[in-house]
Amino acid sequence: MTRHTENTMFLTGWLPGVFIKTAAPIVIITTVSGLFAVVDAYFLGVYVGADALSAVSLIFPALMLLVALQTLVSNGMASILARRLGAGDRDGAKSVFTGAHTLAIAVVVVVNVVYWLAARQFIAVAAAGNADVARSAEAFMGVMIAFAPISFFLSIHLDGLRCEGRLGFMTLVTLASTLLNILANWLLMAVAHWGVVGSAGGSILAQFICLMIVVIYRLRRPNGLWVDMGLHIREWRGIFAFGAPMSLGFIGISLSSAAILFNVSIWHQGDYVATVGAYGIVTRVGIWLNQRPSAIRPFFFTFPDDDDLQEIIELIRAMKKKTLVPTLIRATNDLYLLSSQERHPRSGAPTVAPLSLAERRDLQRRYGVGSWTVSGALYGGSDEALKPGIDMLRAHFEASGKARYIPFEDAQAMPHLHAAINTNSGRPADGELGMLKWRPGGGAIWLTPGAPMDGLMVNAFQAQCRKIALDNGLDYMASFVCGPRFARSVHAIIYDRDKAEEAARADRCYRAMCEAFRERGIFVGRAPTQYQAFHQGQRTPQVVNACAAIKQALDPNGIIAPGRYGIE
């Protein structure tokens, strides 16, 4: 096995610079690729006709399945390839790179056999009797299937370039492929009048040119990554295991779009072909634009008492069932909000006792909140369009007699509410990290069990967990992230990690809270790394053995997170 130090930016570069250099090409490629989807739809509609656009939209689920298989091979390879290159294992890197090529050939052969012998018969059924649409769809799909090796190999090589740190060249090749695709589609559809075959042929031609550019680039670099003459079938299992997660996402898109088209075929009224074409246009434009809403209106209601959480949960559950609020709705307690703005008033003392109710009331008055604050947001075309929704929310929550509405204009001047504003507006921010300064030492343990949206049960949990925190000399901090049926309860245990005695109390607090949820049949999700073995030990032997068997099947060499999650 050959090992030597790799001089790539991933190993030696400035970390923020690596993030920027890695992310920027992805943003550019995604934007340009989305633009191509819109331009291709325009060419199909203008130069070929509405039936052609409907035909391509009709086989969108099948195209997504093809993308899923490409992703399975290239992403699975990339996960292994990146680690081997980072370790200086050039022989191992060549092995998995070659194995990806042989796996791609095997997958393409199977796809061709399945399509030409059976699958293409479904196109006529999906076209609902429209012979022109069926013929166009079959022609387009036939080209994409027959020449699939080109797209598979290009995907493998582009991911290989990314793993090698050749992001600049990878970006240029990808952009060139997209721009050549637009040019080739125009020539084959507008000038040569090849119809839908021109759309598919343009894609294949552009990919072939770019694949040849990459091959020539590799051949001119004697020490670069290249294939050997072996099959390397032993690499296939690892490629499948690591490629499956991303591939399943595309399979989900394929299945959901297939379900939509199936339902349209059953329940449509009017011109089915036109409806499918319209779906294709909206899908392409919508995925590319996916813009931030024109108006975002966060809302806030505050409640005075700890036990108000029972009514709050019921109010949120009823509102979420009406589907008026697109965001999750959070119910956050006073100290979870305010700890980001203050330090504990006794931070310098040898022993820091939790705040009394009187001290909490004083903080609440100074910051204009109660024991619980409810937050969420509405999205729409304008603030005026959102006003009826805000009025409906006010009428709903204020009917309790305890809720006080905080206007958005006032909330903007309240720093402790900015985390909710930023979250619901899609702006990354670090506001909540300020709570780590609440006590010296910056220790934090996050407990995140779920709970049904049952006000009585959730309030009982908070009362019990509050008592556990106070009994261990710690402040109770919690935020419940609520959907229509499920609430994720985020408990923050903030402590001084520099004091062994206080760290031990925080540990006892976490374990006692976990036990309180476990006694009611609720398990903790997203456990901290230091408690993963603890939670695995709470499971039944059957679950533990099943987890171990699954990991052994998918990860026989112990590559994925060895020693983590309590799974041996």
Protein backbone atom coordinates (compact mmCIF):
# COMPACT_ATOMS: atom_id res chain seq x y z
CA MET A 1 0.00 0.00 0.00
CA THR A 2 1.44 3.36 -1.01
CA ARG A 3 1.12 6.16 1.54
CA HIS A 4 2.46 9.69 1.34
CA THR A 5 1.42 13.14 2.41
CA GLU A 6 -1.21 14.75 0.18
CA ASN A 7 -0.80 18.49 -0.30
CA THR A 8 -4.41 19.56 -0.77
CA MET A 9 -6.40 22.42 0.69
CA PHE A 10 -8.55 19.94 2.63
CA LEU A 11 -5.52 18.95 4.74
CA THR A 12 -3.49 22.16 4.91
CA GLY A 13 -5.85 25.02 4.03
CA TRP A 14 -7.31 27.71 6.32
CA LEU A 15 -10.59 26.17 7.55
CA PRO A 16 -12.98 29.10 6.75
CA GLY A 17 -11.33 29.37 3.34
CA VAL A 18 -11.88 25.67 2.72
CA PHE A 19 -15.59 26.07 3.55
CA ILE A 20 -15.92 29.04 1.20
CA LYS A 21 -14.00 27.41 -1.63
CA THR A 22 -16.07 24.25 -1.27
CA ALA A 23 -19.45 25.96 -0.98
CA ALA A 24 -19.04 28.63 -3.69
CA PRO A 25 -18.75 26.18 -6.61
CA ILE A 26 -21.79 24.26 -5.38
CA VAL A 27 -23.85 27.47 -5.22
CA ILE A 28 -22.73 28.52 -8.72
CA ILE A 29 -23.32 25.07 -10.21
CA THR A 30 -26.76 24.73 -8.62
CA THR A 31 -27.80 28.17 -9.87
CA VAL A 32 -26.64 27.61 -13.45
CA SER A 33 -28.05 24.07 -13.54
CA GLY A 34 -31.40 25.41 -12.38
CA LEU A 35 -31.27 28.03 -15.10
CA PHE A 36 -30.67 25.27 -17.66
CA ALA A 37 -33.82 23.46 -16.50
CA VAL A 38 -35.85 26.60 -17.21
CA VAL A 39 -34.17 27.24 -20.58
CA ASP A 40 -34.63 23.63 -21.67
CA ALA A 41 -38.34 23.83 -20.84
CA TYR A 42 -38.56 27.05 -22.87
CA PHE A 43 -36.85 25.44 -25.89
CA LEU A 44 -39.15 22.40 -25.70
CA GLY A 45 -42.27 24.54 -25.51
CA VAL A 46 -41.27 27.02 -28.24
CA TYR A 47 -39.39 24.87 -30.76
CA VAL A 48 -41.07 21.47 -30.32
CA GLY A 49 -44.47 22.05 -28.77
CA ALA A 50 -46.58 21.58 -25.68
CA ASP A 51 -46.80 17.83 -26.18
CA ALA A 52 -43.00 17.59 -26.02
CA LEU A 53 -42.89 19.47 -22.72
CA SER A 54 -45.60 17.21 -21.36
CA ALA A 55 -43.68 14.13 -22.54
CA VAL A 56 -40.51 15.15 -20.69
CA SER A 57 -42.51 16.08 -17.59
CA LEU A 58 -44.23 12.69 -17.74
CA ILE A 59 -40.94 10.79 -17.42
CA PHE A 60 -39.53 13.09 -14.72
CA PRO A 61 -39.88 10.34 -12.05
CA ALA A 62 -37.87 7.94 -14.23
CA LEU A 63 -35.19 10.58 -14.82
CA MET A 64 -34.95 11.12 -11.06
CA LEU A 65 -34.47 7.39 -10.58
CA LEU A 66 -31.60 7.56 -13.07
CA VAL A 67 -30.09 10.47 -11.11
CA ALA A 68 -30.56 8.47 -7.90
CA LEU A 69 -28.52 5.60 -9.35
CA GLN A 70 -25.80 7.98 -10.54
CA THR A 71 -25.69 9.51 -7.07
CA LEU A 72 -25.56 6.08 -5.46
CA VAL A 73 -22.37 5.25 -7.37
CA SER A 74 -20.58 8.62 -7.43
CA ASN A 75 -21.40 9.78 -3.87
CA GLY A 76 -20.71 6.34 -2.42
CA MET A 77 -17.34 6.32 -4.13
CA ALA A 78 -16.58 9.91 -3.06
CA SER A 79 -17.09 9.14 0.64
CA ILE A 80 -14.50 6.36 0.52
CA LEU A 81 -12.19 8.07 -1.98
CA ALA A 82 -11.88 11.28 0.07
CA ARG A 83 -10.82 9.40 3.19
CA ARG A 84 -8.28 7.27 1.32
CA LEU A 85 -6.76 10.26 -0.43
CA GLY A 86 -6.61 12.08 2.91
CA ALA A 87 -4.76 9.11 4.41
CA GLY A 88 -2.33 9.02 1.49
CA ASP A 89 -3.61 5.61 0.36
CA ARG A 90 -3.19 6.01 -3.39
CA ASP A 91 -3.64 2.29 -4.13
CA GLY A 92 -6.88 2.20 -2.14
CA ALA A 93 -8.06 5.36 -3.88
CA LYS A 94 -7.41 3.84 -7.30
CA SER A 95 -9.20 0.67 -6.21
CA VAL A 96 -12.45 2.40 -5.22
CA PHE A 97 -12.24 4.74 -8.24
CA THR A 98 -12.01 1.73 -10.56
CA GLY A 99 -14.69 -0.14 -8.62
CA ALA A 100 -17.06 2.78 -9.14
CA HIS A 101 -16.57 2.53 -12.90
CA THR A 102 -17.27 -1.22 -12.97
CA LEU A 103 -20.29 -0.76 -10.71
CA ALA A 104 -21.58 1.99 -13.02
CA ILE A 105 -21.30 -0.38 -16.00
CA ALA A 106 -23.17 -3.09 -14.09
CA VAL A 107 -25.93 -0.69 -13.06
CA VAL A 108 -26.30 0.67 -16.60
CA VAL A 109 -26.56 -2.85 -18.03
CA VAL A 110 -29.32 -3.73 -15.55
CA VAL A 111 -31.15 -0.46 -16.24
CA ASN A 112 -31.03 -1.04 -20.00
CA VAL A 113 -32.28 -4.60 -19.69
CA VAL A 114 -35.15 -3.58 -17.40
CA TYR A 115 -36.12 -0.59 -19.53
CA TRP A 116 -36.04 -2.19 -22.96
CA LEU A 117 -37.72 -5.43 -21.86
CA ALA A 118 -40.41 -4.10 -19.53
CA ALA A 119 -40.32 -0.59 -18.15
CA ARG A 120 -40.94 1.35 -21.36
CA GLN A 121 -44.36 -0.28 -21.61
CA PHE A 122 -45.47 1.89 -18.70
CA ILE A 123 -44.91 5.10 -20.67
CA ALA A 124 -47.92 4.47 -22.89
CA VAL A 125 -50.05 3.80 -19.80
CA ALA A 126 -48.82 7.00 -18.13
CA ALA A 127 -49.60 9.02 -21.26
CA ALA A 128 -53.31 8.17 -20.79
CA GLY A 129 -53.83 7.25 -24.43
CA ASN A 130 -52.07 10.24 -26.02
CA ALA A 131 -49.93 8.55 -28.69
CA ASP A 132 -47.86 11.67 -29.53
CA VAL A 133 -46.88 12.26 -25.91
CA ALA A 134 -46.09 8.58 -25.39
CA ARG A 135 -43.94 8.48 -28.53
CA SER A 136 -41.99 11.59 -27.52
CA ALA A 137 -41.51 10.39 -23.95
CA GLU A 138 -40.25 7.01 -25.14
CA ALA A 139 -37.83 8.63 -27.59
CA PHE A 140 -36.41 10.95 -24.91
CA MET A 141 -36.06 8.19 -22.32
CA GLY A 142 -34.56 5.79 -24.84
CA VAL A 143 -31.69 8.19 -25.57
CA MET A 144 -31.03 8.86 -21.87
CA ILE A 145 -31.01 5.13 -21.04
CA ALA A 146 -28.91 4.03 -24.03
CA PHE A 147 -26.22 6.63 -23.38
CA ALA A 148 -26.39 6.47 -19.58
CA PRO A 149 -22.72 5.33 -19.25
CA ILE A 150 -21.63 8.83 -20.29
CA SER A 151 -23.58 10.58 -17.53
CA PHE A 152 -22.53 7.94 -14.96
CA PHE A 153 -18.83 8.25 -15.81
CA LEU A 154 -18.94 12.06 -15.84
CA SER A 155 -20.58 12.06 -12.42
CA ILE A 156 -17.86 9.74 -11.07
CA HIS A 157 -15.05 11.87 -12.47
CA LEU A 158 -16.51 15.14 -11.21
CA ASP A 159 -16.85 13.72 -7.70
CA GLY A 160 -13.30 12.41 -8.04
CA LEU A 161 -12.04 15.90 -8.88
CA ARG A 162 -13.89 17.27 -5.86
CA CYS A 163 -12.24 14.73 -3.56
CA GLU A 164 -8.84 15.57 -5.03
CA GLY A 165 -9.38 19.24 -4.21
CA ARG A 166 -9.61 20.27 -7.90
CA LEU A 167 -12.68 22.38 -7.22
CA GLY A 168 -11.83 25.09 -9.73
CA PHE A 169 -11.47 22.66 -12.62
CA MET A 170 -14.53 20.70 -11.48
CA THR A 171 -16.59 23.90 -11.45
CA LEU A 172 -15.40 24.91 -14.92
CA VAL A 173 -16.22 21.48 -16.35
CA THR A 174 -19.68 21.45 -14.76
CA LEU A 175 -20.50 24.96 -15.95
CA ALA A 176 -19.16 24.12 -19.40
CA SER A 177 -21.39 21.05 -19.51
CA THR A 178 -24.45 23.14 -18.67
CA LEU A 179 -23.66 25.93 -21.13
CA LEU A 180 -22.79 23.44 -23.88
CA ASN A 181 -26.05 21.68 -23.12
CA ILE A 182 -28.00 24.88 -23.70
CA LEU A 183 -26.15 25.52 -26.98
CA ALA A 184 -26.54 21.93 -28.19
CA ASN A 185 -30.22 21.87 -27.31
CA TRP A 186 -30.81 25.06 -29.28
CA LEU A 187 -28.92 23.70 -32.31
CA LEU A 188 -30.65 20.31 -32.26
CA MET A 189 -34.15 21.60 -31.50
CA ALA A 190 -34.33 25.05 -33.11
CA VAL A 191 -32.00 24.50 -36.08
CA ALA A 192 -31.95 20.74 -36.78
CA HIS A 193 -35.56 20.20 -35.64
CA TRP A 194 -34.83 16.91 -33.87
CA GLY A 195 -37.67 17.42 -31.39
CA VAL A 196 -37.41 15.83 -27.95
CA VAL A 197 -34.51 13.68 -29.20
CA GLY A 198 -32.64 16.97 -29.63
CA SER A 199 -33.17 17.79 -25.96
CA ALA A 200 -31.85 14.42 -24.81
CA GLY A 201 -29.13 14.36 -27.46
CA GLY A 202 -27.94 17.82 -26.48
CA SER A 203 -27.50 16.68 -22.89
CA ILE A 204 -25.59 13.56 -23.89
CA LEU A 205 -23.38 15.46 -26.37
CA ALA A 206 -22.45 18.13 -23.82
CA GLN A 207 -21.68 15.49 -21.19
CA PHE A 208 -19.56 13.49 -23.63
CA ILE A 209 -17.46 16.54 -24.56
CA CYS A 210 -16.87 17.38 -20.90
CA LEU A 211 -16.05 13.77 -20.06
CA MET A 212 -13.40 13.78 -22.78
CA ILE A 213 -11.96 17.01 -21.35
CA VAL A 214 -11.68 15.39 -17.92
CA VAL A 215 -10.12 12.22 -19.35
CA ILE A 216 -7.52 14.23 -21.28
CA TYR A 217 -6.83 16.27 -18.14
CA ARG A 218 -6.21 13.09 -16.15
CA LEU A 219 -4.06 11.46 -18.85
CA ARG A 220 -1.80 14.53 -18.89
CA ARG A 221 -1.18 14.16 -15.14
CA PRO A 222 0.92 10.99 -14.70
CA ASN A 223 0.46 10.94 -10.92
CA GLY A 224 -3.24 11.72 -11.06
CA LEU A 225 -6.12 9.43 -10.21
CA TRP A 226 -6.87 6.80 -12.85
CA VAL A 227 -8.39 3.35 -13.26
CA ASP A 228 -6.59 0.03 -13.49
CA MET A 229 -7.56 -3.22 -15.22
CA GLY A 230 -9.22 -4.90 -12.22
CA LEU A 231 -12.96 -5.18 -11.51
CA HIS A 232 -12.64 -4.38 -7.79
CA ILE A 233 -16.05 -5.85 -7.07
CA ARG A 234 -15.17 -5.92 -3.35
CA GLU A 235 -15.54 -2.12 -3.35
CA TRP A 236 -19.18 -2.27 -4.45
CA ARG A 237 -20.56 -3.00 -1.00
CA GLY A 238 -18.96 0.08 0.54
CA ILE A 239 -20.07 2.26 -2.38
CA PHE A 240 -23.65 1.06 -1.94
CA ALA A 241 -23.56 1.68 1.81
CA PHE A 242 -22.22 5.23 1.61
CA GLY A 243 -24.14 6.22 -1.51
CA ALA A 244 -27.54 5.04 -0.30
CA PRO A 245 -28.47 8.03 1.95
CA MET A 246 -28.14 10.66 -0.80
CA SER A 247 -29.60 8.32 -3.39
CA LEU A 248 -32.69 7.70 -1.27
CA GLY A 249 -33.40 11.44 -1.32
CA PHE A 250 -33.67 11.41 -5.11
CA ILE A 251 -35.73 8.24 -4.97
CA GLY A 252 -38.11 10.10 -2.67
CA ILE A 253 -38.42 12.91 -5.23
CA SER A 254 -39.07 10.33 -7.93
CA LEU A 255 -41.78 8.56 -5.94
CA SER A 256 -43.50 11.77 -4.84
CA SER A 257 -43.59 13.16 -8.40
CA ALA A 258 -44.83 9.80 -9.68
CA ALA A 259 -47.61 9.88 -7.09
CA ILE A 260 -48.59 13.40 -8.19
CA LEU A 261 -48.72 12.42 -11.86
CA PHE A 262 -50.68 9.26 -11.03
CA ASN A 263 -53.27 11.27 -9.09
CA VAL A 264 -53.47 13.82 -11.90
CA SER A 265 -54.19 11.01 -14.36
CA ILE A 266 -57.04 9.76 -12.15
CA TRP A 267 -58.65 12.99 -10.97
CA HIS A 268 -57.80 15.52 -13.67
CA GLN A 269 -60.48 17.67 -15.22
CA GLY A 270 -59.86 19.04 -18.69
CA ASP A 271 -56.72 18.49 -20.76
CA TYR A 272 -54.50 15.92 -19.02
CA VAL A 273 -51.50 16.59 -21.30
CA ALA A 274 -51.67 20.33 -20.66
CA THR A 275 -51.89 19.72 -16.92
CA VAL A 276 -48.78 17.53 -16.98
CA GLY A 277 -46.95 20.18 -19.02
CA ALA A 278 -47.95 22.87 -16.53
CA TYR A 279 -46.70 20.67 -13.69
CA GLY A 280 -43.36 20.33 -15.47
CA ILE A 281 -43.02 24.10 -15.91
CA VAL A 282 -43.91 24.87 -12.30
CA THR A 283 -41.56 22.17 -11.02
CA ARG A 284 -38.61 23.44 -13.04
CA VAL A 285 -39.14 27.12 -12.30
CA GLY A 286 -40.07 26.53 -8.67
CA ILE A 287 -37.02 24.39 -7.90
CA TRP A 288 -34.70 26.92 -9.53
CA LEU A 289 -36.11 30.08 -8.01
CA ASN A 290 -37.20 28.83 -4.56
CA GLN A 291 -36.96 32.41 -3.41
CA ARG A 292 -37.32 33.89 0.04
CA PRO A 293 -40.93 34.98 0.65
CA SER A 294 -41.64 38.64 -0.10
CA ALA A 295 -43.02 39.18 3.41
CA ILE A 296 -42.12 37.38 6.64
CA ARG A 297 -44.03 38.33 9.76
CA PRO A 298 -42.81 36.72 13.00
CA PHE A 299 -45.30 36.73 15.86
CA PHE A 300 -44.87 36.56 19.64
CA PHE A 301 -47.20 35.91 22.57
CA THR A 302 -46.08 35.80 26.18
CA PHE A 303 -47.77 34.00 29.09
CA PRO A 304 -47.16 34.86 32.77
CA ASP A 305 -47.03 31.54 34.67
CA ASP A 306 -45.07 28.29 34.55
CA ASP A 307 -48.18 26.09 34.44
CA ASP A 308 -49.58 28.02 31.47
CA LEU A 309 -47.69 25.55 29.30
CA GLN A 310 -50.63 23.14 29.42
CA GLU A 311 -52.95 25.64 27.75
CA ILE A 312 -50.19 26.87 25.43
CA ILE A 313 -49.66 23.37 23.98
CA GLU A 314 -53.38 22.94 23.35
CA LEU A 315 -53.59 26.37 21.68
CA ILE A 316 -50.61 25.58 19.45
CA ARG A 317 -51.97 22.14 18.54
CA ALA A 318 -55.31 23.63 17.47
CA MET A 319 -53.57 26.34 15.42
CA LYS A 320 -51.21 23.92 13.68
CA LYS A 321 -54.18 21.76 12.64
CA LYS A 322 -55.59 24.77 10.80
CA THR A 323 -52.34 24.90 8.72
CA LEU A 324 -52.27 28.69 8.94
CA VAL A 325 -48.73 28.78 10.35
CA PRO A 326 -46.13 27.19 8.02
CA THR A 327 -43.32 27.28 10.58
CA LEU A 328 -42.97 25.20 13.69
CA ILE A 329 -44.20 27.11 16.74
CA ARG A 330 -41.93 27.36 19.76
CA ALA A 331 -42.91 27.75 23.41
CA THR A 332 -39.77 28.94 25.23
CA ASN A 333 -39.38 29.58 28.94
CA ASP A 334 -38.01 32.77 30.45
CA LEU A 335 -34.47 31.68 31.36
CA TYR A 336 -33.91 29.92 28.03
CA LEU A 337 -34.62 33.28 26.37
CA LEU A 338 -32.93 35.62 28.81
CA SER A 339 -29.79 33.64 29.66
CA SER A 340 -28.34 34.78 26.33
CA GLN A 341 -28.57 38.40 27.52
CA GLU A 342 -27.47 38.10 31.15
CA ARG A 343 -25.00 36.37 33.43
CA HIS A 344 -26.27 34.63 36.52
CA PRO A 345 -26.46 37.31 39.24
CA ARG A 346 -24.36 35.14 41.59
CA SER A 347 -21.81 33.99 39.02
CA GLY A 348 -18.84 34.99 41.21
CA ALA A 349 -20.03 33.07 44.28
CA PRO A 350 -18.43 29.74 45.30
CA THR A 351 -21.81 28.03 44.94
CA VAL A 352 -24.30 29.34 42.40
CA ALA A 353 -27.86 28.56 43.45
CA PRO A 354 -30.69 28.68 40.88
CA LEU A 355 -32.78 31.83 40.60
CA SER A 356 -35.76 32.16 42.90
CA LEU A 357 -39.23 32.86 41.52
CA ALA A 358 -38.92 36.48 42.72
CA GLU A 359 -35.64 36.89 40.84
CA ARG A 360 -37.18 35.40 37.72
CA ARG A 361 -40.14 37.79 37.98
CA ASP A 362 -37.75 40.72 38.15
CA LEU A 363 -35.97 39.52 34.98
CA GLN A 364 -39.32 39.04 33.24
CA ARG A 365 -40.41 42.59 34.04
CA ARG A 366 -37.12 44.07 32.81
CA TYR A 367 -37.27 42.18 29.51
CA GLY A 368 -41.01 42.39 28.89
CA VAL A 369 -41.80 38.66 28.82
CA GLY A 370 -43.55 36.13 31.05
CA SER A 371 -42.72 32.57 32.05
CA TRP A 372 -43.35 31.34 28.48
CA THR A 373 -43.04 33.03 25.09
CA VAL A 374 -44.67 31.58 21.98
CA SER A 375 -43.09 32.36 18.60
CA GLY A 376 -43.53 31.49 14.93
CA ALA A 377 -43.96 33.28 11.59
CA LEU A 378 -46.30 33.76 8.66
CA TYR A 379 -45.08 34.01 5.04
CA GLY A 380 -46.77 35.81 2.15
CA GLY A 381 -46.64 38.33 -0.65
CA SER A 382 -46.90 41.47 1.49
CA ASP A 383 -47.39 42.62 5.06
CA GLU A 384 -50.94 43.67 4.16
CA ALA A 385 -51.70 40.17 2.92
CA LEU A 386 -50.46 38.72 6.22
CA LYS A 387 -52.44 41.04 8.48
CA PRO A 388 -55.64 38.90 8.53
CA GLY A 389 -53.53 35.92 9.57
CA ILE A 390 -51.96 37.89 12.43
CA ASP A 391 -55.42 39.04 13.51
CA MET A 392 -56.60 35.42 13.52
CA LEU A 393 -53.60 34.39 15.63
CA ARG A 394 -54.27 37.18 18.11
CA ALA A 395 -57.91 36.22 18.46
CA HIS A 396 -56.92 32.56 18.97
CA PHE A 397 -54.24 33.05 21.63
CA GLU A 398 -55.74 36.05 23.40
CA ALA A 399 -58.99 34.14 23.92
CA SER A 400 -57.13 32.31 26.70
CA GLY A 401 -57.22 35.49 28.78
CA LYS A 402 -53.53 35.10 29.62
CA ALA A 403 -51.65 35.70 26.37
CA ARG A 404 -50.12 39.12 25.66
CA TYR A 405 -49.27 39.91 22.05
CA ILE A 406 -45.85 41.46 21.31
CA PRO A 407 -46.00 43.44 18.03
CA PHE A 408 -43.23 42.66 15.57
CA GLU A 409 -42.05 46.28 15.68
CA ASP A 410 -41.50 45.95 19.44
CA ALA A 411 -39.90 42.51 19.08
CA GLN A 412 -37.26 43.92 16.73
CA ALA A 413 -36.03 46.10 19.60
CA MET A 414 -35.83 43.12 22.01
CA PRO A 415 -32.50 41.26 21.49
CA HIS A 416 -33.71 38.18 23.38
CA LEU A 417 -36.32 37.63 20.62
CA HIS A 418 -33.86 37.98 17.75
CA ALA A 419 -33.00 34.27 17.72
CA ALA A 420 -36.63 33.44 16.88
CA ILE A 421 -36.80 36.25 14.28
CA ASN A 422 -33.61 35.03 12.60
CA THR A 423 -34.66 31.38 12.66
CA ASN A 424 -38.04 32.06 11.05
CA SER A 425 -36.47 34.45 8.52
CA GLY A 426 -33.80 32.00 7.36
CA ARG A 427 -30.87 34.03 8.71
CA PRO A 428 -28.05 32.07 10.40
CA ALA A 429 -27.15 33.63 13.75
CA ASP A 430 -25.41 32.73 16.99
CA GLY A 431 -27.72 34.55 19.41
CA GLU A 432 -28.62 31.51 21.51
CA LEU A 433 -24.95 30.70 22.11
CA GLY A 434 -24.90 33.61 24.55
CA MET A 435 -26.63 31.36 27.07
CA LEU A 436 -23.31 29.52 27.55
CA LYS A 437 -22.14 32.57 29.52
CA TRP A 438 -25.01 32.26 32.01
CA ARG A 439 -22.73 30.41 34.41
CA PRO A 440 -18.92 30.41 34.43
CA GLY A 441 -17.17 27.55 32.68
CA GLY A 442 -19.47 27.41 29.63
CA GLY A 443 -20.72 23.88 30.27
CA ALA A 444 -23.88 22.76 28.46
CA ILE A 445 -25.77 19.49 28.07
CA TRP A 446 -28.70 19.37 25.65
CA LEU A 447 -31.57 17.01 26.34
CA THR A 448 -33.98 16.64 23.42
CA PRO A 449 -36.76 14.11 24.01
CA GLY A 450 -40.04 14.29 22.13
CA ALA A 451 -43.56 14.32 23.49
CA PRO A 452 -47.08 14.08 22.09
CA MET A 453 -48.88 17.40 21.68
CA ASP A 454 -50.89 16.78 24.85
CA GLY A 455 -50.99 19.83 27.10
CA LEU A 456 -51.48 17.89 30.32
CA MET A 457 -48.59 15.53 29.59
CA VAL A 458 -46.15 18.21 28.38
CA ASN A 459 -46.90 20.43 31.37
CA ALA A 460 -46.34 17.47 33.71
CA PHE A 461 -42.96 16.90 32.05
CA GLN A 462 -41.89 20.51 32.49
CA ALA A 463 -42.99 20.54 36.13
CA GLN A 464 -41.09 17.34 36.89
CA CYS A 465 -37.97 18.41 34.98
CA ARG A 466 -38.06 21.85 36.60
CA LYS A 467 -38.05 20.18 40.04
CA ILE A 468 -35.17 17.91 39.01
CA ALA A 469 -33.11 20.90 37.84
CA LEU A 470 -33.79 22.89 41.03
CA ASP A 471 -33.06 19.86 43.23
CA ASN A 472 -29.64 19.67 41.56
CA GLY A 473 -28.98 23.38 42.08
CA LEU A 474 -29.45 24.30 38.40
CA ASP A 475 -31.76 26.68 36.53
CA TYR A 476 -34.54 25.17 34.42
CA MET A 477 -34.28 26.16 30.74
CA ALA A 478 -36.53 24.63 28.09
CA SER A 479 -37.99 25.31 24.66
CA PHE A 480 -40.72 23.15 23.12
CA VAL A 481 -40.67 23.08 19.29
CA CYS A 482 -44.21 22.16 18.31
CA GLY A 483 -45.91 20.65 15.28
CA PRO A 484 -49.53 19.49 15.08
CA ARG A 485 -48.88 16.14 16.80
CA PHE A 486 -45.34 16.19 18.19
CA ALA A 487 -43.26 18.54 20.36
CA ARG A 488 -39.47 18.36 20.52
CA SER A 489 -38.56 19.49 24.05
CA VAL A 490 -35.12 21.11 24.06
CA HIS A 491 -33.75 21.27 27.61
CA ALA A 492 -30.51 23.18 28.21
CA ILE A 493 -28.55 22.19 31.31
CA ILE A 494 -26.07 25.05 31.78
CA TYR A 495 -23.33 24.52 34.37
CA ASP A 496 -19.73 25.34 35.31
CA ARG A 497 -17.69 22.55 33.75
CA ASP A 498 -14.56 23.73 35.55
CA LYS A 499 -16.06 22.61 38.87
CA ALA A 500 -16.18 18.84 39.23
CA GLU A 501 -18.95 18.96 41.83
CA GLU A 502 -21.20 21.10 39.62
CA ALA A 503 -20.44 18.95 36.57
CA ALA A 504 -21.49 15.91 38.59
CA ARG A 505 -24.79 17.63 39.49
CA ALA A 506 -25.39 18.43 35.83
CA ASP A 507 -24.78 14.78 34.98
CA ARG A 508 -27.25 13.63 37.64
CA CYS A 509 -29.77 16.18 36.38
CA TYR A 510 -29.52 14.88 32.80
CA ARG A 511 -29.90 11.24 33.83
CA ALA A 512 -32.84 11.99 36.13
CA MET A 513 -34.66 13.96 33.39
CA CYS A 514 -34.07 11.11 30.95
CA GLU A 515 -35.54 8.68 33.44
CA ALA A 516 -38.61 10.92 33.89
CA PHE A 517 -39.31 10.68 30.15
CA ARG A 518 -38.40 7.00 29.91
CA GLU A 519 -40.91 6.10 32.65
CA ARG A 520 -43.64 7.43 30.34
CA GLY A 521 -42.37 5.51 27.34
CA ILE A 522 -40.60 8.45 25.68
CA PHE A 523 -37.01 8.08 24.52
CA VAL A 524 -34.39 10.77 23.98
CA GLY A 525 -33.45 11.67 20.40
CA ARG A 526 -30.22 13.38 19.27
CA ALA A 527 -28.40 12.39 22.44
CA PRO A 528 -25.08 14.09 23.30
CA THR A 529 -22.09 11.95 22.36
CA GLN A 530 -21.11 11.29 25.98
CA TYR A 531 -24.55 9.79 26.69
CA GLN A 532 -25.07 7.64 23.60
CA ALA A 533 -23.87 4.48 25.30
CA PHE A 534 -26.06 5.33 28.30
CA HIS A 535 -29.17 5.56 26.13
CA GLN A 536 -28.28 2.43 24.19
CA GLY A 537 -28.12 0.64 27.52
CA GLN A 538 -31.70 1.72 28.25
CA ARG A 539 -32.98 -0.11 25.20
CA THR A 540 -34.16 -3.70 25.21
CA PRO A 541 -31.62 -6.39 24.24
CA GLN A 542 -33.58 -7.05 21.03
CA VAL A 543 -33.15 -3.43 19.87
CA VAL A 544 -29.46 -3.39 20.84
CA ASN A 545 -28.82 -6.62 18.92
CA ALA A 546 -30.75 -5.35 15.89
CA CYS A 547 -28.68 -2.13 15.82
CA ALA A 548 -25.46 -4.12 16.06
CA ALA A 549 -26.54 -6.45 13.23
CA ILE A 550 -27.49 -3.55 10.94
CA LYS A 551 -24.18 -1.79 11.58
CA GLN A 552 -22.23 -4.99 10.96
CA ALA A 553 -24.06 -5.52 7.65
CA LEU A 554 -23.55 -1.95 6.41
CA ASP A 555 -20.16 -1.30 8.02
CA PRO A 556 -18.27 -4.60 8.42
CA ASN A 557 -14.92 -2.81 8.72
CA GLY A 558 -16.05 -0.46 11.48
CA ILE A 559 -15.50 2.73 9.46
CA ILE A 560 -18.63 4.67 10.46
CA ALA A 561 -18.30 6.39 13.86
CA PRO A 562 -16.40 3.60 15.65
CA GLY A 563 -17.27 3.41 19.34
CA ARG A 564 -20.15 5.89 19.02
CA TYR A 565 -23.86 5.44 19.73
CA GLY A 566 -23.18 2.51 22.06
CA ILE A 567 -23.32 0.17 19.05
CA GLU A 568 -20.60 -2.47 19.04
